[in-house]
């Protein structure tokens, strides 16, 4: 059986993905990391859907 699970990303890697791949404008990386740690990536990415339309 093949394992198709993605490797987990650190908070820093998740933030980098949001900035580079999703073109999220971040003025304060430390604050963005704090928010990401409290409101995980998937919760934030759901709110960003409207911004990409």
N, C-alpha and C. Protein backbone atom coordinates (compact mmCIF):
# COMPACT_ATOMS: atom_id res chain seq x y z
N UNK A 1 0.84 -1.18 0.00
CA UNK A 1 0.00 0.00 0.00
C UNK A 1 0.88 1.24 0.00
N UNK A 2 0.59 2.17 -0.88
CA UNK A 2 1.40 3.37 -1.02
C UNK A 2 0.90 4.47 -0.09
N UNK A 3 1.80 5.17 0.55
CA UNK A 3 1.45 6.25 1.47
C UNK A 3 1.45 7.57 0.69
N UNK A 4 0.28 8.18 0.52
CA UNK A 4 0.14 9.43 -0.23
C UNK A 4 -0.02 10.65 0.66
N UNK A 5 0.31 10.51 1.93
CA UNK A 5 0.16 11.64 2.85
C UNK A 5 1.25 12.67 2.62
N UNK A 6 0.87 13.93 2.71
CA UNK A 6 1.85 15.01 2.61
C UNK A 6 2.60 15.11 3.93
N UNK A 7 3.86 15.51 3.84
CA UNK A 7 4.63 15.75 5.05
C UNK A 7 4.12 17.04 5.71
N UNK A 8 4.04 17.06 7.04
CA UNK A 8 3.57 18.27 7.71
C UNK A 8 4.59 19.40 7.53
N UNK A 9 4.08 20.62 7.44
CA UNK A 9 4.92 21.81 7.31
C UNK A 9 4.99 22.53 8.64
N UNK A 10 6.11 23.16 8.91
CA UNK A 10 6.23 24.00 10.09
C UNK A 10 5.38 25.25 9.89
N UNK A 11 5.16 26.00 10.94
CA UNK A 11 4.42 27.25 10.80
C UNK A 11 5.12 28.21 9.86
N UNK A 12 6.44 28.23 9.93
CA UNK A 12 7.21 29.09 9.06
C UNK A 12 7.03 28.69 7.59
N UNK A 13 7.03 27.38 7.32
CA UNK A 13 6.83 26.89 5.95
C UNK A 13 5.41 27.18 5.46
N UNK A 14 4.43 27.05 6.34
CA UNK A 14 3.06 27.37 5.98
C UNK A 14 2.92 28.84 5.62
N UNK A 15 3.55 29.70 6.42
CA UNK A 15 3.50 31.14 6.15
C UNK A 15 4.17 31.45 4.82
N UNK A 16 5.30 30.83 4.57
CA UNK A 16 6.00 31.03 3.31
C UNK A 16 5.13 30.61 2.12
N UNK A 17 4.41 29.52 2.27
CA UNK A 17 3.50 29.04 1.22
C UNK A 17 2.39 30.08 0.97
N UNK A 18 1.85 30.64 2.04
CA UNK A 18 0.81 31.66 1.88
C UNK A 18 1.35 32.90 1.18
N UNK A 19 2.56 33.30 1.51
CA UNK A 19 3.15 34.50 0.93
C UNK A 19 3.55 34.28 -0.53
N UNK A 20 4.24 33.20 -0.81
CA UNK A 20 4.79 32.96 -2.15
C UNK A 20 3.74 32.41 -3.11
N UNK A 21 3.10 31.33 -2.72
CA UNK A 21 2.18 30.65 -3.64
C UNK A 21 0.79 31.28 -3.69
N UNK A 22 0.32 31.79 -2.56
CA UNK A 22 -1.03 32.37 -2.51
C UNK A 22 -1.02 33.89 -2.60
N UNK A 23 0.19 34.48 -2.69
CA UNK A 23 0.36 35.93 -2.86
C UNK A 23 -0.25 36.75 -1.73
N UNK A 24 -0.17 36.21 -0.51
CA UNK A 24 -0.66 36.93 0.66
C UNK A 24 0.33 38.02 1.03
N UNK A 25 -0.15 39.24 1.21
CA UNK A 25 0.69 40.36 1.60
C UNK A 25 0.81 40.38 3.12
N UNK A 26 2.01 40.19 3.63
CA UNK A 26 2.25 40.15 5.07
C UNK A 26 3.23 41.26 5.43
N UNK A 27 2.79 42.17 6.28
CA UNK A 27 3.65 43.28 6.70
C UNK A 27 4.46 42.92 7.94
N UNK A 28 3.93 42.07 8.80
CA UNK A 28 4.61 41.71 10.04
C UNK A 28 4.63 40.18 10.16
N UNK A 29 5.76 39.58 9.83
CA UNK A 29 5.87 38.10 9.82
C UNK A 29 5.68 37.51 11.21
N UNK A 30 6.20 38.17 12.23
CA UNK A 30 6.05 37.64 13.60
C UNK A 30 4.59 37.58 14.00
N UNK A 31 3.85 38.64 13.70
CA UNK A 31 2.43 38.67 14.02
C UNK A 31 1.67 37.64 13.18
N UNK A 32 2.03 37.49 11.91
CA UNK A 32 1.39 36.52 11.04
C UNK A 32 1.62 35.10 11.57
N UNK A 33 2.82 34.81 12.05
CA UNK A 33 3.11 33.49 12.62
C UNK A 33 2.27 33.25 13.88
N UNK A 34 2.12 34.26 14.71
CA UNK A 34 1.31 34.14 15.91
C UNK A 34 -0.14 33.83 15.56
N UNK A 35 -0.68 34.54 14.57
CA UNK A 35 -2.05 34.30 14.13
C UNK A 35 -2.18 32.90 13.55
N UNK A 36 -1.22 32.49 12.76
CA UNK A 36 -1.25 31.15 12.14
C UNK A 36 -1.22 30.06 13.21
N UNK A 37 -0.45 30.26 14.25
CA UNK A 37 -0.36 29.27 15.32
C UNK A 37 -1.68 29.14 16.08
N UNK A 38 -2.42 30.23 16.18
CA UNK A 38 -3.69 30.22 16.92
C UNK A 38 -4.88 29.85 16.05
N UNK A 39 -4.80 30.09 14.75
CA UNK A 39 -5.91 29.83 13.82
C UNK A 39 -5.38 29.07 12.62
N UNK A 40 -5.15 27.83 12.71
CA UNK A 40 -4.41 27.03 11.73
C UNK A 40 -4.61 27.41 10.26
N UNK A 41 -3.73 26.91 9.42
CA UNK A 41 -3.67 27.22 7.99
C UNK A 41 -5.00 26.99 7.29
N UNK A 42 -5.65 25.87 7.57
CA UNK A 42 -6.87 25.52 6.85
C UNK A 42 -8.02 26.45 7.22
N UNK A 43 -8.05 26.91 8.43
CA UNK A 43 -9.07 27.89 8.83
C UNK A 43 -8.84 29.21 8.10
N UNK A 44 -7.58 29.66 8.03
CA UNK A 44 -7.27 30.91 7.33
C UNK A 44 -7.50 30.79 5.83
N UNK A 45 -7.11 29.68 5.24
CA UNK A 45 -7.24 29.54 3.79
C UNK A 45 -8.71 29.56 3.37
N UNK A 46 -9.62 29.11 4.20
CA UNK A 46 -11.03 29.17 3.90
C UNK A 46 -11.54 30.60 3.81
N UNK A 47 -11.00 31.49 4.63
CA UNK A 47 -11.40 32.90 4.60
C UNK A 47 -10.83 33.62 3.38
N UNK A 48 -9.75 33.09 2.81
CA UNK A 48 -9.09 33.78 1.69
C UNK A 48 -9.72 33.46 0.35
N UNK A 49 -10.64 32.53 0.30
CA UNK A 49 -11.25 32.13 -0.98
C UNK A 49 -11.85 33.33 -1.70
N UNK A 50 -12.55 34.19 -0.98
CA UNK A 50 -13.19 35.36 -1.60
C UNK A 50 -12.18 36.33 -2.21
N UNK A 51 -10.97 36.37 -1.67
CA UNK A 51 -9.96 37.28 -2.17
C UNK A 51 -9.37 36.84 -3.51
N UNK A 52 -9.56 35.57 -3.87
CA UNK A 52 -9.00 35.03 -5.10
C UNK A 52 -10.02 34.99 -6.24
N UNK A 53 -11.19 35.52 -6.02
CA UNK A 53 -12.23 35.53 -7.07
C UNK A 53 -12.19 36.80 -7.84
